[in-house]
């Protein structure tokens, strides 16, 4: 952090400023550590879910199967096949 943090002083207001800035600096460091920890946890859980459901995801991402042949009967009763219906 590039902020100016005063050293301890005999003046009461400067000393209070020092305490506040020190407190803020500590809290900011804790915040960033917690943020990184939560991000790491999220990425770990996401990877576990991806591994658990990898087969299902690949199945859903696979190209669809080619159109099936269907059989129909014409007016004379003979069956014939048609593609892609």
C-alpha atoms as a PDB file:
ATOM      1  CA  UNK A   1       0.000   0.000   0.000  1.00  0.00           C
ATOM      2  CA  UNK A   2       1.394   3.401  -0.925  1.00  0.00           C
ATOM      3  CA  UNK A   3      -0.353   5.477   1.720  1.00  0.00           C
ATOM      4  CA  UNK A   4       1.520   7.631   4.120  1.00  0.00           C
ATOM      5  CA  UNK A   5       1.228   6.238   7.630  1.00  0.00           C
ATOM      6  CA  UNK A   6       2.518   8.573  10.307  1.00  0.00           C
ATOM      7  CA  UNK A   7       4.716   7.301  13.061  1.00  0.00           C
ATOM      8  CA  UNK A   8       3.724   7.589  16.678  1.00  0.00           C
ATOM      9  CA  UNK A   9       3.483  11.147  17.819  1.00  0.00           C
ATOM     10  CA  UNK A  10       3.044  13.005  21.073  1.00  0.00           C
ATOM     11  CA  UNK A  11       0.229  15.076  19.608  1.00  0.00           C
ATOM     12  CA  UNK A  12      -3.103  13.398  20.500  1.00  0.00           C
ATOM     13  CA  UNK A  13      -4.786  13.981  17.134  1.00  0.00           C
ATOM     14  CA  UNK A  14      -1.807  12.724  15.167  1.00  0.00           C
ATOM     15  CA  UNK A  15      -1.680   9.673  17.382  1.00  0.00           C
ATOM     16  CA  UNK A  16      -5.391   8.979  16.779  1.00  0.00           C
ATOM     17  CA  UNK A  17      -4.808   9.363  13.053  1.00  0.00           C
ATOM     18  CA  UNK A  18      -1.954   6.882  13.294  1.00  0.00           C
ATOM     19  CA  UNK A  19      -4.157   4.374  15.132  1.00  0.00           C
ATOM     20  CA  UNK A  20      -6.976   4.730  12.611  1.00  0.00           C
ATOM     21  CA  UNK A  21      -4.693   4.339   9.625  1.00  0.00           C
ATOM     22  CA  UNK A  22      -3.003   1.329  11.178  1.00  0.00           C
ATOM     23  CA  UNK A  23      -6.380  -0.229  11.916  1.00  0.00           C
ATOM     24  CA  UNK A  24      -7.548   0.410   8.342  1.00  0.00           C
ATOM     25  CA  UNK A  25      -4.363  -1.053   6.925  1.00  0.00           C
ATOM     26  CA  UNK A  26      -4.832  -4.249   8.946  1.00  0.00           C
ATOM     27  CA  UNK A  27      -8.499  -4.522   7.921  1.00  0.00           C
ATOM     28  CA  UNK A  28      -7.676  -4.020   4.239  1.00  0.00           C
ATOM     29  CA  UNK A  29      -5.050  -6.763   4.399  1.00  0.00           C
ATOM     30  CA  UNK A  30      -7.553  -9.108   6.065  1.00  0.00           C
ATOM     31  CA  UNK A  31     -10.161  -8.258   3.434  1.00  0.00           C
ATOM     32  CA  UNK A  32      -7.854  -9.139   0.539  1.00  0.00           C
ATOM     33  CA  UNK A  33      -6.733 -12.362   2.227  1.00  0.00           C
ATOM     34  CA  UNK A  34     -10.357 -13.380   2.792  1.00  0.00           C
ATOM     35  CA  UNK A  35     -11.247 -12.442  -0.776  1.00  0.00           C
ATOM     36  CA  UNK A  36      -8.423 -14.599  -2.144  1.00  0.00           C
ATOM     37  CA  UNK A  37      -9.355 -17.490   0.151  1.00  0.00           C
ATOM     38  CA  UNK A  38     -12.986 -17.383  -1.040  1.00  0.00           C
ATOM     39  CA  UNK A  39     -11.892 -17.193  -4.672  1.00  0.00           C
ATOM     40  CA  UNK A  40      -9.619 -20.221  -4.221  1.00  0.00           C
ATOM     41  CA  UNK A  41     -12.424 -22.131  -2.501  1.00  0.00           C
ATOM     42  CA  UNK A  42     -14.836 -21.291  -5.328  1.00  0.00           C
ATOM     43  CA  UNK A  43     -12.382 -22.442  -7.998  1.00  0.00           C
ATOM     44  CA  UNK A  44     -11.719 -25.674  -6.104  1.00  0.00           C
ATOM     45  CA  UNK A  45     -15.436 -26.425  -5.759  1.00  0.00           C
ATOM     46  CA  UNK A  46     -16.036 -25.565  -9.414  1.00  0.00           C
ATOM     47  CA  UNK A  47     -13.297 -27.988 -10.484  1.00  0.00           C
ATOM     48  CA  UNK A  48     -14.784 -30.724  -8.287  1.00  0.00           C
ATOM     49  CA  UNK A  49     -18.218 -30.194  -9.844  1.00  0.00           C
ATOM     50  CA  UNK A  50     -16.760 -30.184 -13.350  1.00  0.00           C
ATOM     51  CA  UNK A  51     -14.965 -33.482 -12.672  1.00  0.00           C
ATOM     52  CA  UNK A  52     -18.052 -35.039 -11.103  1.00  0.00           C
ATOM     53  CA  UNK A  53     -20.328 -34.164 -14.022  1.00  0.00           C
ATOM     54  CA  UNK A  54     -17.755 -34.258 -16.839  1.00  0.00           C
ATOM     55  CA  UNK A  55     -19.387 -37.219 -18.612  1.00  0.00           C
ATOM     56  CA  UNK A  56     -22.826 -35.617 -18.543  1.00  0.00           C
ATOM     57  CA  UNK A  57     -21.445 -32.287 -19.770  1.00  0.00           C
ATOM     58  CA  UNK A  58     -19.608 -33.992 -22.638  1.00  0.00           C
ATOM     59  CA  UNK A  59     -22.760 -35.903 -23.539  1.00  0.00           C
ATOM     60  CA  UNK A  60     -24.784 -32.695 -23.669  1.00  0.00           C
ATOM     61  CA  UNK A  61     -22.089 -30.875 -25.654  1.00  0.00           C
ATOM     62  CA  UNK A  62     -21.759 -33.700 -28.203  1.00  0.00           C
ATOM     63  CA  UNK A  63     -23.280 -33.037 -31.629  1.00  0.00           C
ATOM     64  CA  UNK A  64     -26.790 -34.355 -32.008  1.00  0.00           C
ATOM     65  CA  UNK A  65     -27.292 -37.767 -33.570  1.00  0.00           C
ATOM     66  CA  UNK A  66     -28.054 -37.987 -37.308  1.00  0.00           C
ATOM     67  CA  UNK A  67     -31.736 -37.940 -38.264  1.00  0.00           C
ATOM     68  CA  UNK A  68     -33.477 -41.276 -37.836  1.00  0.00           C
ATOM     69  CA  UNK A  69     -35.190 -43.108 -40.635  1.00  0.00           C
ATOM     70  CA  UNK A  70     -38.927 -43.352 -40.190  1.00  0.00           C
ATOM     71  CA  UNK A  71     -41.239 -45.823 -41.825  1.00  0.00           C
ATOM     72  CA  UNK A  72     -44.617 -44.861 -43.191  1.00  0.00           C
ATOM     73  CA  UNK A  73     -47.226 -46.693 -45.161  1.00  0.00           C
ATOM     74  CA  UNK A  74     -48.723 -45.391 -48.363  1.00  0.00           C
ATOM     75  CA  UNK A  75     -52.302 -45.864 -49.519  1.00  0.00           C
ATOM     76  CA  UNK A  76     -51.535 -49.287 -50.996  1.00  0.00           C
ATOM     77  CA  UNK A  77     -50.244 -50.546 -47.623  1.00  0.00           C
ATOM     78  CA  UNK A  78     -46.575 -50.805 -48.663  1.00  0.00           C
ATOM     79  CA  UNK A  79     -44.010 -49.434 -46.193  1.00  0.00           C
ATOM     80  CA  UNK A  80     -41.200 -47.167 -47.266  1.00  0.00           C
ATOM     81  CA  UNK A  81     -38.548 -45.170 -45.394  1.00  0.00           C
ATOM     82  CA  UNK A  82     -37.972 -41.446 -45.295  1.00  0.00           C
ATOM     83  CA  UNK A  83     -34.894 -39.678 -43.984  1.00  0.00           C
ATOM     84  CA  UNK A  84     -34.846 -36.727 -41.619  1.00  0.00           C
ATOM     85  CA  UNK A  85     -38.417 -36.453 -40.387  1.00  0.00           C
END
